[in-house]
Amino acid sequence: MSDDELDDLKADPKRFFNFVYGGRFGNLPGTDDGYNYRGRGPFQLTFKDNYRKIGEMIGEDLVANPDLVNDPEIGAKTVVAYIRARYDGSGWEAMKHCVGYNTADIAARKDELRDQFLASREFA
């Protein structure tokens, strides 16, 4: 894709998200699912399958009402449910990998933030 084509795509959020997320993880190709189930909430819940699974876990129909994820209380519930579904309890490295994308720089930043949190003794 040329830079001009990419700029054109980015200018239309619906087209952009359907292009990036369409046809994967429960998002049906040829629909607006990519746009409808784009990242929302405190940790950017994405994809129809995740909206369905997490919604069932917290007792909310997030597929029919995806914007509910932006509600602070419901958003917090989605984070807890997502982590519970993915974290096996085996320590920091497993926790770090169950939430979000991890390149070397992102993993290092998560480590730095964890170290700052522990040093603060805020919840000791």
Protein backbone atom coordinates (compact mmCIF):
# COMPACT_ATOMS: atom_id res chain seq x y z
CA MET A 1 0.00 0.00 0.00
CA SER A 2 1.37 3.40 -0.93
CA ASP A 3 1.68 6.24 1.57
CA ASP A 4 -1.17 8.06 -0.19
CA GLU A 5 -3.40 4.97 -0.02
CA LEU A 6 -2.57 4.53 3.65
CA ASP A 7 -3.31 8.19 4.39
CA ASP A 8 -6.66 7.81 2.61
CA LEU A 9 -7.46 4.71 4.65
CA LYS A 10 -6.51 6.38 7.94
CA ALA A 11 -8.78 9.34 7.13
CA ASP A 12 -11.85 7.10 7.46
CA PRO A 13 -11.97 5.40 10.90
CA LYS A 14 -14.63 2.87 9.87
CA ARG A 15 -12.68 1.75 6.79
CA PHE A 16 -9.41 1.76 8.76
CA PHE A 17 -10.62 -0.46 11.61
CA ASN A 18 -12.49 -2.79 9.25
CA PHE A 19 -9.26 -3.17 7.26
CA VAL A 20 -7.08 -3.79 10.32
CA TYR A 21 -9.43 -5.96 12.41
CA GLY A 22 -11.96 -7.34 9.91
CA GLY A 23 -12.29 -11.08 9.39
CA ARG A 24 -10.38 -12.14 12.52
CA PHE A 25 -11.27 -13.45 15.98
CA GLY A 26 -15.01 -13.44 15.42
CA ASN A 27 -15.11 -10.26 13.32
CA LEU A 28 -16.90 -11.26 10.13
CA PRO A 29 -15.36 -10.21 6.82
CA GLY A 30 -17.39 -7.77 4.75
CA THR A 31 -19.09 -6.28 7.83
CA ASP A 32 -18.34 -3.37 10.13
CA ASP A 33 -17.21 -5.75 12.90
CA GLY A 34 -13.63 -4.46 12.71
CA TYR A 35 -14.90 -0.97 13.50
CA ASN A 36 -17.62 -2.06 15.93
CA TYR A 37 -15.25 -4.20 18.02
CA ARG A 38 -12.17 -1.97 17.91
CA GLY A 39 -10.19 -1.28 21.06
CA ARG A 40 -12.16 0.29 23.88
CA GLY A 41 -11.90 0.65 27.63
CA PRO A 42 -8.98 0.72 30.04
CA PHE A 43 -6.93 -1.85 28.14
CA GLN A 44 -8.45 -1.60 24.67
CA LEU A 45 -10.64 -4.71 24.46
CA THR A 46 -10.64 -5.70 20.77
CA PHE A 47 -12.40 -8.28 18.54
CA LYS A 48 -15.94 -9.60 18.68
CA ASP A 49 -14.90 -12.92 20.25
CA ASN A 50 -13.33 -11.03 23.18
CA TYR A 51 -16.37 -8.76 23.56
CA ARG A 52 -18.56 -11.90 23.66
CA LYS A 53 -16.38 -13.90 26.07
CA ILE A 54 -15.65 -11.07 28.48
CA GLY A 55 -19.27 -9.87 28.33
CA GLU A 56 -20.47 -13.33 29.34
CA MET A 57 -17.97 -13.38 32.20
CA ILE A 58 -19.20 -10.07 33.62
CA GLY A 59 -22.90 -10.46 32.79
CA GLU A 60 -23.09 -7.71 30.18
CA ASP A 61 -24.03 -7.95 26.49
CA LEU A 62 -20.94 -6.24 25.12
CA VAL A 63 -21.58 -7.55 21.60
CA ALA A 64 -24.90 -5.68 21.42
CA ASN A 65 -23.49 -2.69 23.36
CA PRO A 66 -19.73 -2.43 22.73
CA ASP A 67 -19.55 1.14 24.07
CA LEU A 68 -20.35 -0.20 27.55
CA VAL A 69 -16.65 -1.07 27.79
CA ASN A 70 -15.95 2.68 28.07
CA ASP A 71 -18.05 2.94 31.25
CA PRO A 72 -15.50 3.11 34.11
CA GLU A 73 -17.18 0.44 36.27
CA ILE A 74 -17.81 -1.98 33.40
CA GLY A 75 -14.38 -1.24 31.95
CA ALA A 76 -12.75 -2.20 35.25
CA LYS A 77 -14.74 -5.45 35.27
CA THR A 78 -13.52 -6.24 31.74
CA VAL A 79 -9.90 -5.86 32.85
CA VAL A 80 -10.34 -8.21 35.80
CA ALA A 81 -12.23 -10.78 33.70
CA TYR A 82 -9.65 -10.63 30.90
CA ILE A 83 -6.76 -11.18 33.28
CA ARG A 84 -8.58 -13.99 35.11
CA ALA A 85 -9.21 -15.72 31.78
CA ARG A 86 -5.57 -15.52 30.69
CA TYR A 87 -3.32 -15.48 33.77
CA ASP A 88 -2.22 -18.83 35.17
CA GLY A 89 -0.85 -17.50 38.47
CA SER A 90 2.76 -18.34 37.72
CA GLY A 91 4.38 -14.97 38.38
CA TRP A 92 5.27 -11.63 36.89
CA GLU A 93 6.48 -12.86 33.48
CA ALA A 94 3.22 -14.76 32.93
CA MET A 95 1.21 -11.73 34.04
CA LYS A 96 3.16 -9.46 31.73
CA HIS A 97 2.48 -11.75 28.78
CA CYS A 98 -1.22 -12.24 29.45
CA VAL A 99 -1.96 -8.54 28.99
CA GLY A 100 -0.95 -6.66 25.90
CA TYR A 101 1.64 -6.87 23.22
CA ASN A 102 5.24 -7.32 24.35
CA THR A 103 8.18 -6.15 22.34
CA ALA A 104 11.47 -5.73 24.18
CA ASP A 105 10.83 -2.02 24.81
CA ILE A 106 7.24 -2.57 25.99
CA ALA A 107 8.30 -5.43 28.29
CA ALA A 108 11.08 -3.24 29.72
CA ARG A 109 8.62 -0.39 30.34
CA LYS A 110 6.23 -2.77 32.14
CA ASP A 111 9.15 -3.93 34.31
CA GLU A 112 10.06 -0.31 35.06
CA LEU A 113 6.49 0.58 36.05
CA ARG A 114 6.24 -2.52 38.24
CA ASP A 115 9.50 -1.61 39.99
CA GLN A 116 8.21 1.93 40.61
CA PHE A 117 4.95 0.55 42.00
CA LEU A 118 6.74 -1.85 44.34
CA ALA A 119 9.14 0.87 45.48
CA SER A 120 6.22 3.16 46.34
CA ARG A 121 4.93 0.62 48.91
CA GLU A 122 1.53 2.20 48.26
CA PHE A 123 -0.35 -1.03 48.94
CA ALA A 124 2.10 -2.61 51.38
